[in-house]
């Protein structure tokens, strides 16, 4: 489902989130380290329906967090333990369990995690299914504690933190709503100085990935669609990916729309040219 590259004390690592093996969501995820000519497995992490990894550092201590969530195309919820968000701390040679973050809804799972910093304070935002909420946690000095809970209507699947001209935002892509038509407004919240407040809603069609990026001082927001056969109407096979540009006060200018069904996205630069890669799939 996802992978995360990071570096500790000059050694490069890749954490891979394994979500489904064709029969079960109880698939261990892996951490690999670079030997000088290849990546070899260095640690096995037991996970249930892992969705993604997030590496971060606080006051010189290294952490990595994994989000886990049942998804309609994979495993049954009869397996144990139940998904959520688990944070691991680096102990010099390996990661050990540090903090388990769960929802008050017993079968809720974390679809995505986003770690960021505002004015020296460390925050982590998680999208929860089951109770449909966007919860931000703040680092207390010893652990993460709930800071703000935002109720959601519809199924949010991806969250993104970004900063424009010193102002912090978090955004969530909504994959589908109560009507299962795919026409759902994704949302952006702006940091007021004390909490996040709803700032803008963007109409998109079954977006699965939301990414903010910057090119030559211009800020963009990408929403790219994803389709699982049987969930939506057949017309959604023409799902478009949309790129919005920051107009100075909001994202209001659609620059490009392509007929691509995507579940992964990467932006990179070669010389002075920016390239964008999307991974396309139709899951049956």
C-alpha atoms as a PDB file:
ATOM      1  CA  UNK A   1       0.000   0.000   0.000  1.00  0.00           C
ATOM      2  CA  UNK A   2       2.802   2.433   0.769  1.00  0.00           C
ATOM      3  CA  UNK A   3       6.514   2.825   1.434  1.00  0.00           C
ATOM      4  CA  UNK A   4       8.596   5.421   3.301  1.00  0.00           C
ATOM      5  CA  UNK A   5      12.296   6.206   2.884  1.00  0.00           C
ATOM      6  CA  UNK A   6      14.300   7.686   5.748  1.00  0.00           C
ATOM      7  CA  UNK A   7      17.849   7.957   7.037  1.00  0.00           C
ATOM      8  CA  UNK A   8      19.224   7.329  10.539  1.00  0.00           C
ATOM      9  CA  UNK A   9      22.886   7.938  11.400  1.00  0.00           C
ATOM     10  CA  UNK A  10      23.910   7.706   7.746  1.00  0.00           C
ATOM     11  CA  UNK A  11      22.045   4.464   7.035  1.00  0.00           C
ATOM     12  CA  UNK A  12      19.172   4.464   4.558  1.00  0.00           C
ATOM     13  CA  UNK A  13      15.955   2.565   5.305  1.00  0.00           C
ATOM     14  CA  UNK A  14      12.709   1.771   3.498  1.00  0.00           C
ATOM     15  CA  UNK A  15       9.551   0.811   5.405  1.00  0.00           C
ATOM     16  CA  UNK A  16       6.966  -1.086   3.331  1.00  0.00           C
ATOM     17  CA  UNK A  17       3.298  -1.280   4.357  1.00  0.00           C
ATOM     18  CA  UNK A  18       1.745  -4.632   3.424  1.00  0.00           C
ATOM     19  CA  UNK A  19      -2.033  -4.598   3.464  1.00  0.00           C
ATOM     20  CA  UNK A  20      -3.338  -7.813   1.916  1.00  0.00           C
ATOM     21  CA  UNK A  21      -1.930 -11.136   0.723  1.00  0.00           C
ATOM     22  CA  UNK A  22      -4.973 -12.245  -1.283  1.00  0.00           C
ATOM     23  CA  UNK A  23      -6.686 -13.920   1.635  1.00  0.00           C
ATOM     24  CA  UNK A  24      -6.027 -11.917   4.783  1.00  0.00           C
ATOM     25  CA  UNK A  25      -5.115  -8.459   6.042  1.00  0.00           C
ATOM     26  CA  UNK A  26      -2.877 -10.001   8.699  1.00  0.00           C
ATOM     27  CA  UNK A  27       0.320  -9.389   6.754  1.00  0.00           C
ATOM     28  CA  UNK A  28       3.559  -8.323   8.413  1.00  0.00           C
ATOM     29  CA  UNK A  29       5.144  -5.129   7.138  1.00  0.00           C
ATOM     30  CA  UNK A  30       8.882  -4.854   6.568  1.00  0.00           C
ATOM     31  CA  UNK A  31      11.748  -2.448   7.152  1.00  0.00           C
ATOM     32  CA  UNK A  32      14.790  -2.759   4.886  1.00  0.00           C
ATOM     33  CA  UNK A  33      18.215  -1.110   5.176  1.00  0.00           C
ATOM     34  CA  UNK A  34      20.764  -0.276   2.490  1.00  0.00           C
ATOM     35  CA  UNK A  35      23.946  -2.366   2.595  1.00  0.00           C
ATOM     36  CA  UNK A  36      25.840  -0.402  -0.021  1.00  0.00           C
ATOM     37  CA  UNK A  37      24.587  -2.284  -3.065  1.00  0.00           C
ATOM     38  CA  UNK A  38      21.060  -3.453  -2.165  1.00  0.00           C
ATOM     39  CA  UNK A  39      18.273  -3.258   0.405  1.00  0.00           C
ATOM     40  CA  UNK A  40      17.987  -6.197   2.813  1.00  0.00           C
ATOM     41  CA  UNK A  41      15.327  -6.906   5.410  1.00  0.00           C
ATOM     42  CA  UNK A  42      16.282  -5.598   8.832  1.00  0.00           C
ATOM     43  CA  UNK A  43      13.024  -5.745  10.807  1.00  0.00           C
ATOM     44  CA  UNK A  44       9.632  -7.420  10.630  1.00  0.00           C
ATOM     45  CA  UNK A  45       6.667  -5.440  12.013  1.00  0.00           C
ATOM     46  CA  UNK A  46       3.385  -7.329  12.698  1.00  0.00           C
ATOM     47  CA  UNK A  47       0.559  -5.298  11.134  1.00  0.00           C
ATOM     48  CA  UNK A  48      -3.101  -5.738  10.250  1.00  0.00           C
ATOM     49  CA  UNK A  49      -4.241  -4.124   6.970  1.00  0.00           C
ATOM     50  CA  UNK A  50      -1.380  -1.584   7.003  1.00  0.00           C
ATOM     51  CA  UNK A  51      -2.120   1.533   4.962  1.00  0.00           C
ATOM     52  CA  UNK A  52       0.986   3.679   5.243  1.00  0.00           C
ATOM     53  CA  UNK A  53       4.157   4.652   7.104  1.00  0.00           C
ATOM     54  CA  UNK A  54       5.233   8.066   8.363  1.00  0.00           C
ATOM     55  CA  UNK A  55       8.771   8.709   9.604  1.00  0.00           C
ATOM     56  CA  UNK A  56       9.554  11.720  11.803  1.00  0.00           C
ATOM     57  CA  UNK A  57      12.019  13.007  14.363  1.00  0.00           C
ATOM     58  CA  UNK A  58      11.359  14.830  17.649  1.00  0.00           C
ATOM     59  CA  UNK A  59      14.238  16.309  19.675  1.00  0.00           C
ATOM     60  CA  UNK A  60      16.760  13.920  18.143  1.00  0.00           C
ATOM     61  CA  UNK A  61      14.628  10.813  18.674  1.00  0.00           C
ATOM     62  CA  UNK A  62      13.535   8.855  15.598  1.00  0.00           C
ATOM     63  CA  UNK A  63       9.982   7.567  15.235  1.00  0.00           C
ATOM     64  CA  UNK A  64       7.975   5.764  12.593  1.00  0.00           C
ATOM     65  CA  UNK A  65       4.195   5.382  12.623  1.00  0.00           C
ATOM     66  CA  UNK A  66       1.964   2.993  10.705  1.00  0.00           C
ATOM     67  CA  UNK A  67      -1.724   3.477   9.960  1.00  0.00           C
ATOM     68  CA  UNK A  68      -3.981   0.437   9.635  1.00  0.00           C
ATOM     69  CA  UNK A  69      -7.513   0.281   8.330  1.00  0.00           C
ATOM     70  CA  UNK A  70      -9.902  -2.279   6.886  1.00  0.00           C
ATOM     71  CA  UNK A  71     -10.785  -1.453   3.303  1.00  0.00           C
ATOM     72  CA  UNK A  72     -13.650  -2.825   1.271  1.00  0.00           C
ATOM     73  CA  UNK A  73     -11.393  -4.618  -1.194  1.00  0.00           C
ATOM     74  CA  UNK A  74      -9.412  -6.592   1.355  1.00  0.00           C
ATOM     75  CA  UNK A  75      -9.769  -8.476   4.582  1.00  0.00           C
ATOM     76  CA  UNK A  76     -12.495  -9.266   7.041  1.00  0.00           C
ATOM     77  CA  UNK A  77     -12.830  -7.474  10.354  1.00  0.00           C
ATOM     78  CA  UNK A  78     -12.792 -10.760  12.276  1.00  0.00           C
ATOM     79  CA  UNK A  79      -9.013 -10.665  12.510  1.00  0.00           C
ATOM     80  CA  UNK A  80      -7.190  -9.403  15.583  1.00  0.00           C
ATOM     81  CA  UNK A  81      -5.711  -7.035  16.614  1.00  0.00           C
ATOM     82  CA  UNK A  82      -7.972  -4.297  15.330  1.00  0.00           C
ATOM     83  CA  UNK A  83      -6.389  -1.621  13.121  1.00  0.00           C
ATOM     84  CA  UNK A  84      -5.460   1.860  14.296  1.00  0.00           C
ATOM     85  CA  UNK A  85      -2.231   3.839  14.438  1.00  0.00           C
ATOM     86  CA  UNK A  86       0.944   2.526  16.045  1.00  0.00           C
ATOM     87  CA  UNK A  87       4.062   4.608  16.715  1.00  0.00           C
ATOM     88  CA  UNK A  88       7.476   2.944  17.032  1.00  0.00           C
ATOM     89  CA  UNK A  89      10.609   4.515  18.546  1.00  0.00           C
ATOM     90  CA  UNK A  90      14.170   3.879  17.360  1.00  0.00           C
ATOM     91  CA  UNK A  91      16.260   2.272  20.096  1.00  0.00           C
ATOM     92  CA  UNK A  92      19.626   2.289  18.350  1.00  0.00           C
ATOM     93  CA  UNK A  93      19.374  -0.965  16.430  1.00  0.00           C
ATOM     94  CA  UNK A  94      15.646  -1.423  15.807  1.00  0.00           C
ATOM     95  CA  UNK A  95      12.206   0.117  16.319  1.00  0.00           C
ATOM     96  CA  UNK A  96      10.123  -0.844  19.369  1.00  0.00           C
ATOM     97  CA  UNK A  97       6.471  -0.125  20.091  1.00  0.00           C
ATOM     98  CA  UNK A  98       6.028   3.298  21.697  1.00  0.00           C
ATOM     99  CA  UNK A  99       2.376   4.411  21.526  1.00  0.00           C
ATOM    100  CA  UNK A 100      -0.821   2.846  20.244  1.00  0.00           C
ATOM    101  CA  UNK A 101      -3.420   5.368  19.109  1.00  0.00           C
ATOM    102  CA  UNK A 102      -6.969   4.068  18.800  1.00  0.00           C
ATOM    103  CA  UNK A 103     -10.415   5.545  18.300  1.00  0.00           C
ATOM    104  CA  UNK A 104     -13.261   5.334  20.787  1.00  0.00           C
ATOM    105  CA  UNK A 105     -15.034   3.294  18.095  1.00  0.00           C
ATOM    106  CA  UNK A 106     -13.659  -0.225  18.577  1.00  0.00           C
ATOM    107  CA  UNK A 107     -13.609  -1.185  14.879  1.00  0.00           C
ATOM    108  CA  UNK A 108     -12.384   2.176  13.554  1.00  0.00           C
ATOM    109  CA  UNK A 109      -9.165   2.284  11.568  1.00  0.00           C
ATOM    110  CA  UNK A 110      -6.693   4.984  10.557  1.00  0.00           C
ATOM    111  CA  UNK A 111      -6.694   5.585   6.792  1.00  0.00           C
ATOM    112  CA  UNK A 112      -3.804   8.042   6.757  1.00  0.00           C
ATOM    113  CA  UNK A 113      -1.361   9.897   9.030  1.00  0.00           C
ATOM    114  CA  UNK A 114       0.280  13.280   8.578  1.00  0.00           C
ATOM    115  CA  UNK A 115       3.046  14.598  10.877  1.00  0.00           C
ATOM    116  CA  UNK A 116       3.889  18.328  10.934  1.00  0.00           C
ATOM    117  CA  UNK A 117       5.221  21.123  13.118  1.00  0.00           C
ATOM    118  CA  UNK A 118       3.709  24.538  13.923  1.00  0.00           C
ATOM    119  CA  UNK A 119       5.667  27.136  15.898  1.00  0.00           C
ATOM    120  CA  UNK A 120       7.870  24.479  17.467  1.00  0.00           C
ATOM    121  CA  UNK A 121       4.988  22.230  18.517  1.00  0.00           C
ATOM    122  CA  UNK A 122       4.675  18.747  16.985  1.00  0.00           C
ATOM    123  CA  UNK A 123       1.339  17.514  15.653  1.00  0.00           C
ATOM    124  CA  UNK A 124       0.009  14.371  14.005  1.00  0.00           C
ATOM    125  CA  UNK A 125      -3.303  14.181  12.148  1.00  0.00           C
ATOM    126  CA  UNK A 126      -5.139  10.920  11.494  1.00  0.00           C
ATOM    127  CA  UNK A 127      -8.164  10.133   9.342  1.00  0.00           C
ATOM    128  CA  UNK A 128     -10.413   7.677  11.175  1.00  0.00           C
ATOM    129  CA  UNK A 129     -13.027   5.476   9.566  1.00  0.00           C
ATOM    130  CA  UNK A 130     -15.828   3.994  11.626  1.00  0.00           C
ATOM    131  CA  UNK A 131     -16.424   7.249  13.445  1.00  0.00           C
ATOM    132  CA  UNK A 132     -15.585   9.356  10.333  1.00  0.00           C
ATOM    133  CA  UNK A 133     -13.382  11.958  11.960  1.00  0.00           C
ATOM    134  CA  UNK A 134     -10.178  13.905  11.383  1.00  0.00           C
ATOM    135  CA  UNK A 135      -8.273  13.974  14.677  1.00  0.00           C
ATOM    136  CA  UNK A 136      -5.156  16.019  15.347  1.00  0.00           C
ATOM    137  CA  UNK A 137      -2.831  15.013  18.200  1.00  0.00           C
ATOM    138  CA  UNK A 138      -0.201  17.230  19.859  1.00  0.00           C
ATOM    139  CA  UNK A 139       3.105  16.078  21.344  1.00  0.00           C
ATOM    140  CA  UNK A 140       3.129  16.661  25.114  1.00  0.00           C
ATOM    141  CA  UNK A 141       6.801  15.943  25.618  1.00  0.00           C
ATOM    142  CA  UNK A 142       6.286  12.259  26.332  1.00  0.00           C
ATOM    143  CA  UNK A 143       3.492  11.161  23.965  1.00  0.00           C
ATOM    144  CA  UNK A 144       0.806  12.356  21.564  1.00  0.00           C
ATOM    145  CA  UNK A 145      -2.502  13.499  23.106  1.00  0.00           C
ATOM    146  CA  UNK A 146      -5.738  14.367  21.299  1.00  0.00           C
ATOM    147  CA  UNK A 147      -5.828  18.065  20.451  1.00  0.00           C
ATOM    148  CA  UNK A 148      -8.736  18.605  18.027  1.00  0.00           C
ATOM    149  CA  UNK A 149     -11.413  16.355  16.558  1.00  0.00           C
ATOM    150  CA  UNK A 150     -13.242  17.362  13.375  1.00  0.00           C
ATOM    151  CA  UNK A 151     -16.338  15.313  12.464  1.00  0.00           C
ATOM    152  CA  UNK A 152     -16.581  14.327   8.804  1.00  0.00           C
ATOM    153  CA  UNK A 153     -19.468  13.440   6.523  1.00  0.00           C
ATOM    154  CA  UNK A 154     -18.384  10.871   3.976  1.00  0.00           C
ATOM    155  CA  UNK A 155     -15.306   8.705   3.757  1.00  0.00           C
ATOM    156  CA  UNK A 156     -12.036  10.648   3.862  1.00  0.00           C
ATOM    157  CA  UNK A 157      -9.085   8.588   2.634  1.00  0.00           C
ATOM    158  CA  UNK A 158      -6.053  10.878   2.415  1.00  0.00           C
ATOM    159  CA  UNK A 159      -4.876  13.882   4.429  1.00  0.00           C
ATOM    160  CA  UNK A 160      -2.202  16.437   3.598  1.00  0.00           C
ATOM    161  CA  UNK A 161      -0.488  19.218   5.544  1.00  0.00           C
ATOM    162  CA  UNK A 162       1.017  22.148   3.703  1.00  0.00           C
ATOM    163  CA  UNK A 163       2.125  25.711   4.318  1.00  0.00           C
ATOM    164  CA  UNK A 164       1.551  28.796   2.153  1.00  0.00           C
ATOM    165  CA  UNK A 165       3.078  32.166   3.072  1.00  0.00           C
ATOM    166  CA  UNK A 166       3.509  31.125   6.695  1.00  0.00           C
ATOM    167  CA  UNK A 167      -0.053  29.840   7.109  1.00  0.00           C
ATOM    168  CA  UNK A 168      -0.631  26.170   7.863  1.00  0.00           C
ATOM    169  CA  UNK A 169      -3.374  24.056   6.295  1.00  0.00           C
ATOM    170  CA  UNK A 170      -4.575  20.478   6.491  1.00  0.00           C
ATOM    171  CA  UNK A 171      -6.706  18.972   3.747  1.00  0.00           C
ATOM    172  CA  UNK A 172      -8.649  15.745   3.301  1.00  0.00           C
ATOM    173  CA  UNK A 173      -9.696  13.931   0.132  1.00  0.00           C
ATOM    174  CA  UNK A 174     -13.177  12.414   0.338  1.00  0.00           C
ATOM    175  CA  UNK A 175     -13.508   9.278  -1.721  1.00  0.00           C
ATOM    176  CA  UNK A 176     -17.263   8.808  -1.541  1.00  0.00           C
ATOM    177  CA  UNK A 177     -20.275  10.074   0.378  1.00  0.00           C
ATOM    178  CA  UNK A 178     -23.565   8.683   1.575  1.00  0.00           C
ATOM    179  CA  UNK A 179     -24.966   8.445  -1.955  1.00  0.00           C
ATOM    180  CA  UNK A 180     -21.975   6.516  -3.356  1.00  0.00           C
ATOM    181  CA  UNK A 181     -22.001   8.654  -6.496  1.00  0.00           C
ATOM    182  CA  UNK A 182     -18.411   9.800  -6.177  1.00  0.00           C
ATOM    183  CA  UNK A 183     -19.405  13.496  -6.247  1.00  0.00           C
ATOM    184  CA  UNK A 184     -18.044  14.590  -2.879  1.00  0.00           C
ATOM    185  CA  UNK A 185     -16.495  17.833  -1.688  1.00  0.00           C
ATOM    186  CA  UNK A 186     -12.964  17.509  -0.359  1.00  0.00           C
ATOM    187  CA  UNK A 187     -12.066  20.024   2.337  1.00  0.00           C
ATOM    188  CA  UNK A 188      -9.256  22.284   3.494  1.00  0.00           C
ATOM    189  CA  UNK A 189      -8.864  23.614   7.046  1.00  0.00           C
ATOM    190  CA  UNK A 190      -6.712  26.647   7.981  1.00  0.00           C
ATOM    191  CA  UNK A 191      -4.745  27.099  11.205  1.00  0.00           C
ATOM    192  CA  UNK A 192      -6.096  30.087  13.159  1.00  0.00           C
ATOM    193  CA  UNK A 193      -3.326  30.181  15.737  1.00  0.00           C
ATOM    194  CA  UNK A 194      -5.143  27.949  18.197  1.00  0.00           C
ATOM    195  CA  UNK A 195      -6.957  25.360  16.063  1.00  0.00           C
ATOM    196  CA  UNK A 196      -7.936  24.385  12.521  1.00  0.00           C
ATOM    197  CA  UNK A 197     -11.066  25.942  10.969  1.00  0.00           C
ATOM    198  CA  UNK A 198     -12.820  25.001   7.728  1.00  0.00           C
ATOM    199  CA  UNK A 199     -11.399  27.169   4.959  1.00  0.00           C
ATOM    200  CA  UNK A 200     -12.451  25.790   1.564  1.00  0.00           C
ATOM    201  CA  UNK A 201     -14.379  22.938  -0.038  1.00  0.00           C
ATOM    202  CA  UNK A 202     -13.341  21.597  -3.451  1.00  0.00           C
ATOM    203  CA  UNK A 203     -15.650  19.580  -5.677  1.00  0.00           C
ATOM    204  CA  UNK A 204     -13.921  16.469  -6.967  1.00  0.00           C
ATOM    205  CA  UNK A 205     -14.924  13.081  -8.309  1.00  0.00           C
ATOM    206  CA  UNK A 206     -13.918  10.120  -6.141  1.00  0.00           C
ATOM    207  CA  UNK A 207     -10.472  11.543  -5.219  1.00  0.00           C
ATOM    208  CA  UNK A 208      -8.217   8.970  -3.568  1.00  0.00           C
ATOM    209  CA  UNK A 209      -4.983  10.951  -3.362  1.00  0.00           C
ATOM    210  CA  UNK A 210      -4.506  14.609  -2.403  1.00  0.00           C
ATOM    211  CA  UNK A 211      -1.036  16.138  -2.736  1.00  0.00           C
ATOM    212  CA  UNK A 212       0.189  19.701  -2.297  1.00  0.00           C
ATOM    213  CA  UNK A 213       3.330  20.747  -4.140  1.00  0.00           C
ATOM    214  CA  UNK A 214       5.217  23.860  -5.199  1.00  0.00           C
ATOM    215  CA  UNK A 215       6.858  24.747  -8.501  1.00  0.00           C
ATOM    216  CA  UNK A 216       8.698  28.046  -9.026  1.00  0.00           C
ATOM    217  CA  UNK A 217       6.949  29.685  -6.069  1.00  0.00           C
ATOM    218  CA  UNK A 218       3.481  28.626  -7.232  1.00  0.00           C
ATOM    219  CA  UNK A 219       1.402  26.351  -5.001  1.00  0.00           C
ATOM    220  CA  UNK A 220      -0.695  23.508  -6.400  1.00  0.00           C
ATOM    221  CA  UNK A 221      -3.100  20.901  -5.075  1.00  0.00           C
ATOM    222  CA  UNK A 222      -3.640  17.615  -6.903  1.00  0.00           C
ATOM    223  CA  UNK A 223      -6.701  15.397  -6.454  1.00  0.00           C
ATOM    224  CA  UNK A 224      -6.524  12.145  -8.345  1.00  0.00           C
ATOM    225  CA  UNK A 225      -9.336   9.606  -8.635  1.00  0.00           C
ATOM    226  CA  UNK A 226      -9.490   5.889  -7.952  1.00  0.00           C
ATOM    227  CA  UNK A 227     -12.109   3.298  -8.838  1.00  0.00           C
ATOM    228  CA  UNK A 228     -13.111  -0.085  -7.442  1.00  0.00           C
ATOM    229  CA  UNK A 229     -15.511  -1.924  -9.724  1.00  0.00           C
ATOM    230  CA  UNK A 230     -18.973  -2.274  -8.202  1.00  0.00           C
ATOM    231  CA  UNK A 231     -18.720   0.661  -5.795  1.00  0.00           C
ATOM    232  CA  UNK A 232     -19.827   3.424  -8.130  1.00  0.00           C
ATOM    233  CA  UNK A 233     -21.748   3.806 -11.343  1.00  0.00           C
ATOM    234  CA  UNK A 234     -20.060   2.671 -14.548  1.00  0.00           C
ATOM    235  CA  UNK A 235     -19.787   6.297 -15.669  1.00  0.00           C
ATOM    236  CA  UNK A 236     -17.095   6.814 -13.033  1.00  0.00           C
ATOM    237  CA  UNK A 237     -14.653   4.933 -15.228  1.00  0.00           C
ATOM    238  CA  UNK A 238     -14.018   8.397 -16.665  1.00  0.00           C
ATOM    239  CA  UNK A 239     -12.806   9.793 -13.331  1.00  0.00           C
ATOM    240  CA  UNK A 240     -10.553  12.804 -13.845  1.00  0.00           C
ATOM    241  CA  UNK A 241      -7.492  13.922 -11.933  1.00  0.00           C
ATOM    242  CA  UNK A 242      -7.564  17.641 -11.180  1.00  0.00           C
ATOM    243  CA  UNK A 243      -4.828  20.149 -10.391  1.00  0.00           C
ATOM    244  CA  UNK A 244      -5.755  23.380  -8.616  1.00  0.00           C
ATOM    245  CA  UNK A 245      -3.508  26.435  -8.340  1.00  0.00           C
ATOM    246  CA  UNK A 246      -3.367  28.819  -5.390  1.00  0.00           C
ATOM    247  CA  UNK A 247      -4.803  32.137  -6.521  1.00  0.00           C
ATOM    248  CA  UNK A 248      -3.634  34.222  -3.573  1.00  0.00           C
ATOM    249  CA  UNK A 249      -6.599  33.625  -1.297  1.00  0.00           C
ATOM    250  CA  UNK A 250      -7.879  30.158  -2.280  1.00  0.00           C
ATOM    251  CA  UNK A 251      -7.440  27.237  -4.672  1.00  0.00           C
ATOM    252  CA  UNK A 252      -9.709  28.286  -7.498  1.00  0.00           C
ATOM    253  CA  UNK A 253      -7.994  27.633 -10.818  1.00  0.00           C
ATOM    254  CA  UNK A 254      -8.160  24.197 -12.428  1.00  0.00           C
ATOM    255  CA  UNK A 255      -5.024  23.870 -14.550  1.00  0.00           C
ATOM    256  CA  UNK A 256      -5.312  20.344 -15.879  1.00  0.00           C
ATOM    257  CA  UNK A 257      -7.762  17.469 -15.997  1.00  0.00           C
ATOM    258  CA  UNK A 258      -6.770  14.063 -17.346  1.00  0.00           C
ATOM    259  CA  UNK A 259      -8.709  10.820 -17.639  1.00  0.00           C
ATOM    260  CA  UNK A 260      -6.532   8.838 -15.245  1.00  0.00           C
ATOM    261  CA  UNK A 261      -7.618   6.472 -12.500  1.00  0.00           C
ATOM    262  CA  UNK A 262      -4.774   6.702 -10.003  1.00  0.00           C
ATOM    263  CA  UNK A 263      -3.969   5.471  -6.530  1.00  0.00           C
ATOM    264  CA  UNK A 264      -0.383   6.735  -6.167  1.00  0.00           C
ATOM    265  CA  UNK A 265       1.405   9.956  -7.093  1.00  0.00           C
ATOM    266  CA  UNK A 266       4.977  11.248  -7.101  1.00  0.00           C
ATOM    267  CA  UNK A 267       6.527  14.548  -8.175  1.00  0.00           C
ATOM    268  CA  UNK A 268      10.257  14.888  -8.886  1.00  0.00           C
ATOM    269  CA  UNK A 269      12.678  17.303 -10.528  1.00  0.00           C
ATOM    270  CA  UNK A 270      15.381  16.555 -13.082  1.00  0.00           C
ATOM    271  CA  UNK A 271      17.484  19.612 -13.819  1.00  0.00           C
ATOM    272  CA  UNK A 272      15.024  22.452 -14.249  1.00  0.00           C
ATOM    273  CA  UNK A 273      12.114  20.254 -15.345  1.00  0.00           C
ATOM    274  CA  UNK A 274       9.389  18.931 -13.051  1.00  0.00           C
ATOM    275  CA  UNK A 275       7.814  15.545 -13.714  1.00  0.00           C
ATOM    276  CA  UNK A 276       4.702  13.929 -12.274  1.00  0.00           C
ATOM    277  CA  UNK A 277       4.082  10.182 -12.088  1.00  0.00           C
ATOM    278  CA  UNK A 278       0.723   8.581 -11.352  1.00  0.00           C
ATOM    279  CA  UNK A 279       0.183   4.864 -10.824  1.00  0.00           C
ATOM    280  CA  UNK A 280      -3.028   3.782 -12.526  1.00  0.00           C
ATOM    281  CA  UNK A 281      -5.213   0.844 -11.597  1.00  0.00           C
ATOM    282  CA  UNK A 282      -8.767  -0.426 -11.733  1.00  0.00           C
ATOM    283  CA  UNK A 283      -9.327  -2.773  -8.805  1.00  0.00           C
ATOM    284  CA  UNK A 284     -11.869  -5.537  -9.362  1.00  0.00           C
END
